[in-house]
Amino acid sequence: MDFANKRFLVADEQERIHMIFQDFFFREGAQVETVSNVTQALDAAAQQRFDLAIIDFDFNGNNGFGLLDKLRRHNPDLPALIITGRPNNLFLQRIEQYRNTNFLEKPVDLRLLREKIIKAFA
C-alpha cells in the first residue's frame, strides 16, 4: 500500500517517538504532524483532516482514549492506533469497544506499524 497523500497525526510527548514516526512516514511518502499535548492535537485536528491518528495511551498523563474521543468529534471515522508499553486486560477490553482502532506495543516495531496501518485502511 502506498501512503503517499495520506496525513497522519502522532500524539506523544516524547521527542524521540516524534523522530521515529517522522522518519518512517517521510520514507513512506506520507505527511505527518507530531504533537506533544492535547491542545496541539485538537488544534491540528481543527485545522486539517487526518487519515489516521497514532496516540500514546499515557499521553501527558491523560488517557489516550479520551483524546481519541475528542479527535473523533472533528472526524468521526478517524482510524486510530493507540501505542502502549503495557496492554493489560482492561486496556484490551476497552480497545475492543472502539471501532477502527487497534494498538501497538512499545517499543514500536515499524514492520508491525506498517501492517496495522494497512489493516486500518482496508
Protein backbone atom coordinates (compact mmCIF):
# COMPACT_ATOMS: atom_id res chain seq x y z
CA MET A 1 0.00 0.00 0.00
CA ASP A 2 1.16 3.47 -0.85
CA PHE A 3 0.97 6.03 1.97
CA ALA A 4 1.57 8.98 -0.35
CA ASN A 5 -1.06 11.69 0.04
CA LYS A 6 -2.00 10.32 3.48
CA ARG A 7 -1.89 12.57 6.55
CA PHE A 8 -1.01 11.11 9.94
CA LEU A 9 -1.29 12.67 13.38
CA VAL A 10 1.14 11.39 16.03
CA ALA A 11 0.30 12.41 19.61
CA ASP A 12 3.13 11.61 22.01
CA GLU A 13 5.07 13.79 24.43
CA GLN A 14 8.42 12.13 23.66
CA GLU A 15 10.56 13.83 21.03
CA ARG A 16 12.30 10.51 20.31
CA ILE A 17 8.95 9.00 19.31
CA HIS A 18 8.25 12.01 17.09
CA MET A 19 11.54 11.46 15.27
CA ILE A 20 10.87 7.74 14.73
CA PHE A 21 7.45 8.39 13.19
CA GLN A 22 8.64 11.39 11.17
CA ASP A 23 11.41 9.30 9.64
CA PHE A 24 9.08 6.35 8.96
CA PHE A 25 6.38 8.45 7.28
CA PHE A 26 8.92 10.51 5.32
CA ARG A 27 10.30 7.28 3.82
CA GLU A 28 6.73 6.20 3.04
CA GLY A 29 6.00 9.49 1.25
CA ALA A 30 3.31 10.48 3.74
CA GLN A 31 2.70 13.69 5.65
CA VAL A 32 2.91 13.60 9.43
CA GLU A 33 2.11 16.09 12.15
CA THR A 34 3.56 15.39 15.58
CA VAL A 35 2.10 16.97 18.69
CA SER A 36 3.19 16.97 22.32
CA ASN A 37 -0.05 17.78 24.14
CA VAL A 38 -3.82 17.58 23.89
CA THR A 39 -4.25 21.24 22.93
CA GLN A 40 -1.85 20.88 19.99
CA ALA A 41 -3.64 17.71 18.88
CA LEU A 42 -7.06 19.34 18.92
CA ASP A 43 -5.76 22.48 17.18
CA ALA A 44 -4.21 20.33 14.44
CA ALA A 45 -7.45 18.36 14.02
CA ALA A 46 -9.46 21.57 13.77
CA GLN A 47 -7.18 22.89 11.01
CA GLN A 48 -6.75 19.78 8.86
CA ARG A 49 -8.19 16.35 8.26
CA PHE A 50 -6.06 13.34 9.14
CA ASP A 51 -6.31 9.86 7.66
CA LEU A 52 -5.11 8.14 10.84
CA ALA A 53 -4.16 9.12 14.40
CA ILE A 54 -1.44 7.43 16.41
CA ILE A 55 -1.88 8.23 20.10
CA ASP A 56 0.21 7.36 23.14
CA PHE A 57 -2.10 5.70 25.68
CA ASP A 58 -0.47 7.62 28.55
CA PHE A 59 -0.41 10.97 26.74
CA ASN A 60 0.81 13.66 29.16
CA GLY A 61 -0.87 11.78 31.99
CA ASN A 62 -4.15 11.65 30.08
CA ASN A 63 -5.88 8.58 28.76
CA GLY A 64 -5.34 8.21 25.00
CA PHE A 65 -8.96 7.11 24.57
CA GLY A 66 -10.12 10.49 25.84
CA LEU A 67 -8.06 12.26 23.17
CA LEU A 68 -9.40 9.89 20.52
CA ASP A 69 -12.97 10.72 21.55
CA LYS A 70 -12.22 14.43 21.16
CA LEU A 71 -10.49 13.94 17.79
CA ARG A 72 -13.47 11.99 16.50
CA ARG A 73 -15.70 14.99 17.16
CA HIS A 74 -13.86 16.60 14.22
CA ASN A 75 -13.59 13.40 12.18
CA PRO A 76 -15.99 10.64 13.34
CA ASP A 77 -14.48 7.98 11.06
CA LEU A 78 -10.84 8.65 12.03
CA PRO A 79 -8.93 5.35 12.26
CA ALA A 80 -6.52 5.15 15.19
CA LEU A 81 -3.64 3.23 16.67
CA ILE A 82 -3.07 3.51 20.42
CA ILE A 83 0.52 2.85 21.47
CA THR A 84 1.25 1.49 24.92
CA GLY A 85 4.01 -0.20 26.82
CA ARG A 86 1.57 -2.19 28.91
CA PRO A 87 -1.54 -3.60 27.21
CA ASN A 88 -3.27 -5.16 30.23
CA ASN A 89 -6.65 -6.89 30.12
CA LEU A 90 -8.60 -3.72 30.93
CA PHE A 91 -6.85 -1.88 28.08
CA LEU A 92 -7.59 -4.73 25.66
CA GLN A 93 -11.27 -4.79 26.68
CA ARG A 94 -11.51 -1.03 26.23
CA ILE A 95 -9.91 -1.00 22.79
CA GLU A 96 -12.39 -3.65 21.63
CA GLN A 97 -15.17 -1.11 22.27
CA TYR A 98 -13.71 1.35 19.73
CA ARG A 99 -14.39 0.89 16.06
CA ASN A 100 -11.49 1.09 13.62
CA THR A 101 -8.98 1.26 16.46
CA ASN A 102 -6.03 -1.00 17.08
CA PHE A 103 -2.94 -0.89 19.27
CA LEU A 104 0.82 -1.25 19.10
CA GLU A 105 3.14 -2.16 21.94
CA LYS A 106 6.20 -0.09 22.73
CA PRO A 107 8.89 -0.26 21.59
CA VAL A 108 7.20 0.20 18.22
CA ASP A 109 8.07 -2.38 15.57
CA LEU A 110 7.96 -0.46 12.26
CA ARG A 111 7.08 -3.55 10.25
CA LEU A 112 4.09 -4.19 12.51
CA LEU A 113 3.20 -0.48 12.38
CA ARG A 114 3.02 -0.68 8.59
CA GLU A 115 0.85 -3.82 8.75
CA LYS A 116 -1.59 -2.23 11.22
CA ILE A 117 -1.86 0.94 9.12
CA ILE A 118 -2.65 -1.12 6.02
CA LYS A 119 -5.30 -3.02 8.01
CA ALA A 120 -6.82 0.28 9.20
CA PHE A 121 -7.25 1.43 5.59
CA ALA A 122 -8.63 -1.90 4.35
